[in-house]
């Protein structure tokens, strides 16, 4: 569908370019230490450490920092599919749900395996011109492989309409 998807994924995998993007566009994620560990067309893994900037008063990672990492694991996949797409597609988070199972006291690795289905939903939005919703799952695991949190991030995708001005 999008010949630029691989180009975008390569940019995300480049540590300096990715950090520059975070610093400029999502500074809170930059300072919290959110990083893409791995990404391809099917899956994205994003980590967030437990450190001073990401802590809560209960000696674990603040839920908002966990949420940033979970959202990024889904959003990076979506951005890869809409990057330089013609016609362009807008994307927006319209709902989030989370369940927490263990305290996040070290590095938490969020994994989203929904890339293939997300691509299909974006293709449908482009083909029909209608808005499409997709709920991606991102599971966060601690360094021992135990499930720390599960996030459901619902995205809206819609083909942008081109404004054509008519001059007489």
C-alpha atoms as a PDB file:
ATOM      1  CA  UNK A   1       0.000   0.000   0.000  1.00  0.00           C
ATOM      2  CA  UNK A   2       2.559   2.626   1.085  1.00  0.00           C
ATOM      3  CA  UNK A   3       5.959   2.523  -0.558  1.00  0.00           C
ATOM      4  CA  UNK A   4       7.325   4.813   2.170  1.00  0.00           C
ATOM      5  CA  UNK A   5       6.558   2.520   5.144  1.00  0.00           C
ATOM      6  CA  UNK A   6      10.049   0.976   5.122  1.00  0.00           C
ATOM      7  CA  UNK A   7      11.623   4.444   4.958  1.00  0.00           C
ATOM      8  CA  UNK A   8       9.675   5.540   8.035  1.00  0.00           C
ATOM      9  CA  UNK A   9      10.580   2.367   9.945  1.00  0.00           C
ATOM     10  CA  UNK A  10      14.275   2.956   9.152  1.00  0.00           C
ATOM     11  CA  UNK A  11      13.978   6.491  10.563  1.00  0.00           C
ATOM     12  CA  UNK A  12      12.411   5.169  13.768  1.00  0.00           C
ATOM     13  CA  UNK A  13      15.218   2.630  14.142  1.00  0.00           C
ATOM     14  CA  UNK A  14      17.887   5.342  13.799  1.00  0.00           C
ATOM     15  CA  UNK A  15      18.678   6.267  17.433  1.00  0.00           C
ATOM     16  CA  UNK A  16      19.687   9.884  16.781  1.00  0.00           C
ATOM     17  CA  UNK A  17      16.844  10.713  14.375  1.00  0.00           C
ATOM     18  CA  UNK A  18      14.319   9.087  16.706  1.00  0.00           C
ATOM     19  CA  UNK A  19      15.568  10.992  19.750  1.00  0.00           C
ATOM     20  CA  UNK A  20      15.505  14.254  17.800  1.00  0.00           C
ATOM     21  CA  UNK A  21      11.904  13.511  16.786  1.00  0.00           C
ATOM     22  CA  UNK A  22      10.936  12.773  20.391  1.00  0.00           C
ATOM     23  CA  UNK A  23      12.671  15.864  21.735  1.00  0.00           C
ATOM     24  CA  UNK A  24      10.948  18.097  19.168  1.00  0.00           C
ATOM     25  CA  UNK A  25       7.489  16.506  19.063  1.00  0.00           C
ATOM     26  CA  UNK A  26       6.978  14.520  22.303  1.00  0.00           C
ATOM     27  CA  UNK A  27       9.379  15.985  24.883  1.00  0.00           C
ATOM     28  CA  UNK A  28       7.682  14.274  27.827  1.00  0.00           C
ATOM     29  CA  UNK A  29       8.381  10.858  26.244  1.00  0.00           C
ATOM     30  CA  UNK A  30      11.963  11.930  25.513  1.00  0.00           C
ATOM     31  CA  UNK A  31      12.640  12.891  29.136  1.00  0.00           C
ATOM     32  CA  UNK A  32      10.817   9.835  30.501  1.00  0.00           C
ATOM     33  CA  UNK A  33      13.177   7.610  28.489  1.00  0.00           C
ATOM     34  CA  UNK A  34      10.574   6.093  26.162  1.00  0.00           C
ATOM     35  CA  UNK A  35      12.398   4.395  23.274  1.00  0.00           C
ATOM     36  CA  UNK A  36      11.499   2.152  20.355  1.00  0.00           C
ATOM     37  CA  UNK A  37      13.282  -1.158  20.918  1.00  0.00           C
ATOM     38  CA  UNK A  38      12.200  -2.763  17.654  1.00  0.00           C
ATOM     39  CA  UNK A  39       9.700  -2.184  14.866  1.00  0.00           C
ATOM     40  CA  UNK A  40       8.713  -3.874  11.628  1.00  0.00           C
ATOM     41  CA  UNK A  41       5.477  -3.939   9.621  1.00  0.00           C
ATOM     42  CA  UNK A  42       3.802  -6.393  12.017  1.00  0.00           C
ATOM     43  CA  UNK A  43       5.038  -5.471  15.474  1.00  0.00           C
ATOM     44  CA  UNK A  44       6.422  -2.632  17.552  1.00  0.00           C
ATOM     45  CA  UNK A  45       8.216  -2.851  20.898  1.00  0.00           C
ATOM     46  CA  UNK A  46       8.666   0.257  23.033  1.00  0.00           C
ATOM     47  CA  UNK A  47      10.432   0.492  26.393  1.00  0.00           C
ATOM     48  CA  UNK A  48      10.097   2.854  29.309  1.00  0.00           C
ATOM     49  CA  UNK A  49      12.476   2.718  32.280  1.00  0.00           C
ATOM     50  CA  UNK A  50      11.780   3.263  35.944  1.00  0.00           C
ATOM     51  CA  UNK A  51      13.838   6.325  36.784  1.00  0.00           C
ATOM     52  CA  UNK A  52      13.524   9.646  38.571  1.00  0.00           C
ATOM     53  CA  UNK A  53      11.637  11.346  35.730  1.00  0.00           C
ATOM     54  CA  UNK A  54       9.138   8.478  35.233  1.00  0.00           C
ATOM     55  CA  UNK A  55       8.496   7.609  38.886  1.00  0.00           C
ATOM     56  CA  UNK A  56       5.398   7.951  41.045  1.00  0.00           C
ATOM     57  CA  UNK A  57       5.320   8.254  44.866  1.00  0.00           C
ATOM     58  CA  UNK A  58       4.863   4.475  45.203  1.00  0.00           C
ATOM     59  CA  UNK A  59       8.339   3.538  43.901  1.00  0.00           C
ATOM     60  CA  UNK A  60       7.150   2.417  40.482  1.00  0.00           C
ATOM     61  CA  UNK A  61       6.699   3.871  37.001  1.00  0.00           C
ATOM     62  CA  UNK A  62       3.982   6.505  36.801  1.00  0.00           C
ATOM     63  CA  UNK A  63       0.943   5.265  34.878  1.00  0.00           C
ATOM     64  CA  UNK A  64       1.136   8.172  32.425  1.00  0.00           C
ATOM     65  CA  UNK A  65       4.653   7.115  31.402  1.00  0.00           C
ATOM     66  CA  UNK A  66       3.460   3.546  30.927  1.00  0.00           C
ATOM     67  CA  UNK A  67       0.607   4.928  28.824  1.00  0.00           C
ATOM     68  CA  UNK A  68       3.034   6.931  26.645  1.00  0.00           C
ATOM     69  CA  UNK A  69       5.032   3.808  25.864  1.00  0.00           C
ATOM     70  CA  UNK A  70       1.922   1.711  25.179  1.00  0.00           C
ATOM     71  CA  UNK A  71       0.453   4.361  22.896  1.00  0.00           C
ATOM     72  CA  UNK A  72       3.745   4.750  21.036  1.00  0.00           C
ATOM     73  CA  UNK A  73       3.895   1.003  20.351  1.00  0.00           C
ATOM     74  CA  UNK A  74       0.585   1.323  18.492  1.00  0.00           C
ATOM     75  CA  UNK A  75       1.030   4.810  17.071  1.00  0.00           C
ATOM     76  CA  UNK A  76       4.435   4.128  15.519  1.00  0.00           C
ATOM     77  CA  UNK A  77       2.879   1.307  13.496  1.00  0.00           C
ATOM     78  CA  UNK A  78       0.055   3.579  12.358  1.00  0.00           C
ATOM     79  CA  UNK A  79       2.456   6.383  11.444  1.00  0.00           C
ATOM     80  CA  UNK A  80       4.541   3.965   9.393  1.00  0.00           C
ATOM     81  CA  UNK A  81       1.485   3.109   7.306  1.00  0.00           C
ATOM     82  CA  UNK A  82       0.306   6.687   6.747  1.00  0.00           C
ATOM     83  CA  UNK A  83       3.747   8.276   6.217  1.00  0.00           C
ATOM     84  CA  UNK A  84       3.737  10.256   2.935  1.00  0.00           C
ATOM     85  CA  UNK A  85       0.516   8.480   1.928  1.00  0.00           C
ATOM     86  CA  UNK A  86      -1.422  10.043  -0.952  1.00  0.00           C
ATOM     87  CA  UNK A  87      -4.167  10.798  -0.212  1.00  0.00           C
ATOM     88  CA  UNK A  88      -3.099  11.679   3.319  1.00  0.00           C
ATOM     89  CA  UNK A  89      -4.749  10.003   6.310  1.00  0.00           C
ATOM     90  CA  UNK A  90      -5.390  11.556   9.693  1.00  0.00           C
ATOM     91  CA  UNK A  91      -4.973   9.522  12.857  1.00  0.00           C
ATOM     92  CA  UNK A  92      -6.224  10.290  16.341  1.00  0.00           C
ATOM     93  CA  UNK A  93      -6.520   8.424  19.621  1.00  0.00           C
ATOM     94  CA  UNK A  94     -10.211   8.396  20.556  1.00  0.00           C
ATOM     95  CA  UNK A  95     -10.155   6.025  23.539  1.00  0.00           C
ATOM     96  CA  UNK A  96      -7.727   4.336  25.901  1.00  0.00           C
ATOM     97  CA  UNK A  97      -8.303   1.563  28.402  1.00  0.00           C
ATOM     98  CA  UNK A  98      -5.735   0.085  30.759  1.00  0.00           C
ATOM     99  CA  UNK A  99      -5.385  -2.721  33.257  1.00  0.00           C
ATOM    100  CA  UNK A 100      -2.457  -2.926  35.661  1.00  0.00           C
ATOM    101  CA  UNK A 101      -1.296  -6.245  37.082  1.00  0.00           C
ATOM    102  CA  UNK A 102       2.087  -5.607  38.741  1.00  0.00           C
ATOM    103  CA  UNK A 103       4.112  -2.632  39.858  1.00  0.00           C
ATOM    104  CA  UNK A 104       6.477  -1.441  37.139  1.00  0.00           C
ATOM    105  CA  UNK A 105       9.726  -1.215  39.085  1.00  0.00           C
ATOM    106  CA  UNK A 106      12.242  -1.588  36.250  1.00  0.00           C
ATOM    107  CA  UNK A 107      12.224  -1.338  32.482  1.00  0.00           C
ATOM    108  CA  UNK A 108       8.809  -2.117  30.985  1.00  0.00           C
ATOM    109  CA  UNK A 109       8.637  -3.395  27.399  1.00  0.00           C
ATOM    110  CA  UNK A 110       5.362  -2.744  25.553  1.00  0.00           C
ATOM    111  CA  UNK A 111       4.570  -4.939  22.567  1.00  0.00           C
ATOM    112  CA  UNK A 112       1.912  -4.357  19.922  1.00  0.00           C
ATOM    113  CA  UNK A 113       1.463  -7.145  17.346  1.00  0.00           C
ATOM    114  CA  UNK A 114      -1.399  -5.502  15.423  1.00  0.00           C
ATOM    115  CA  UNK A 115       0.473  -4.023  12.446  1.00  0.00           C
ATOM    116  CA  UNK A 116      -1.096  -6.218   9.768  1.00  0.00           C
ATOM    117  CA  UNK A 117      -4.679  -5.602  10.895  1.00  0.00           C
ATOM    118  CA  UNK A 118      -3.998  -1.894  11.390  1.00  0.00           C
ATOM    119  CA  UNK A 119      -2.726  -1.661   7.802  1.00  0.00           C
ATOM    120  CA  UNK A 120      -5.962  -3.260   6.554  1.00  0.00           C
ATOM    121  CA  UNK A 121      -8.083  -0.774   8.517  1.00  0.00           C
ATOM    122  CA  UNK A 122      -6.085   2.171   7.125  1.00  0.00           C
ATOM    123  CA  UNK A 123      -6.457   0.776   3.592  1.00  0.00           C
ATOM    124  CA  UNK A 124     -10.227   0.574   4.136  1.00  0.00           C
ATOM    125  CA  UNK A 125     -10.343   4.190   5.347  1.00  0.00           C
ATOM    126  CA  UNK A 126      -8.461   5.287   2.215  1.00  0.00           C
ATOM    127  CA  UNK A 127     -10.654   3.225  -0.115  1.00  0.00           C
ATOM    128  CA  UNK A 128     -14.006   4.291   1.338  1.00  0.00           C
ATOM    129  CA  UNK A 129     -13.260   7.826   2.529  1.00  0.00           C
ATOM    130  CA  UNK A 130     -15.065   6.930   5.741  1.00  0.00           C
ATOM    131  CA  UNK A 131     -13.544   7.126   9.193  1.00  0.00           C
ATOM    132  CA  UNK A 132     -12.475   3.773  10.575  1.00  0.00           C
ATOM    133  CA  UNK A 133     -11.833   2.798  14.196  1.00  0.00           C
ATOM    134  CA  UNK A 134      -9.278   0.252  15.286  1.00  0.00           C
ATOM    135  CA  UNK A 135      -8.431  -0.878  18.804  1.00  0.00           C
ATOM    136  CA  UNK A 136      -4.823  -1.956  19.129  1.00  0.00           C
ATOM    137  CA  UNK A 137      -3.542  -4.028  22.048  1.00  0.00           C
ATOM    138  CA  UNK A 138      -0.257  -3.226  23.764  1.00  0.00           C
ATOM    139  CA  UNK A 139       0.987  -5.517  26.522  1.00  0.00           C
ATOM    140  CA  UNK A 140       3.691  -4.312  28.886  1.00  0.00           C
ATOM    141  CA  UNK A 141       6.120  -6.835  30.361  1.00  0.00           C
ATOM    142  CA  UNK A 142       8.788  -6.453  33.027  1.00  0.00           C
ATOM    143  CA  UNK A 143      12.329  -7.742  32.631  1.00  0.00           C
ATOM    144  CA  UNK A 144      11.232 -11.145  33.991  1.00  0.00           C
ATOM    145  CA  UNK A 145       8.600 -11.458  31.245  1.00  0.00           C
ATOM    146  CA  UNK A 146       5.665 -10.926  33.620  1.00  0.00           C
ATOM    147  CA  UNK A 147       2.651  -8.955  32.399  1.00  0.00           C
ATOM    148  CA  UNK A 148       2.664  -5.546  34.093  1.00  0.00           C
ATOM    149  CA  UNK A 149      -0.101  -3.777  32.154  1.00  0.00           C
ATOM    150  CA  UNK A 150      -2.412  -4.172  29.179  1.00  0.00           C
ATOM    151  CA  UNK A 151      -3.546  -1.187  27.152  1.00  0.00           C
ATOM    152  CA  UNK A 152      -6.268  -0.933  24.528  1.00  0.00           C
ATOM    153  CA  UNK A 153      -5.691   2.113  22.329  1.00  0.00           C
ATOM    154  CA  UNK A 154      -8.509   2.973  19.924  1.00  0.00           C
ATOM    155  CA  UNK A 155      -7.423   4.922  16.865  1.00  0.00           C
ATOM    156  CA  UNK A 156      -9.546   6.745  14.321  1.00  0.00           C
ATOM    157  CA  UNK A 157      -8.240   6.825  10.746  1.00  0.00           C
ATOM    158  CA  UNK A 158      -9.750   8.995   8.049  1.00  0.00           C
ATOM    159  CA  UNK A 159      -8.703   9.973   4.559  1.00  0.00           C
ATOM    160  CA  UNK A 160      -8.153  13.718   4.434  1.00  0.00           C
ATOM    161  CA  UNK A 161     -10.095  15.631   1.841  1.00  0.00           C
ATOM    162  CA  UNK A 162      -8.253  18.066  -0.322  1.00  0.00           C
ATOM    163  CA  UNK A 163      -9.574  21.592  -0.216  1.00  0.00           C
ATOM    164  CA  UNK A 164     -10.052  22.722  -3.765  1.00  0.00           C
ATOM    165  CA  UNK A 165     -10.679  26.395  -4.250  1.00  0.00           C
ATOM    166  CA  UNK A 166     -12.546  27.526  -7.330  1.00  0.00           C
ATOM    167  CA  UNK A 167     -11.647  30.915  -8.726  1.00  0.00           C
ATOM    168  CA  UNK A 168     -13.896  32.653 -11.245  1.00  0.00           C
END
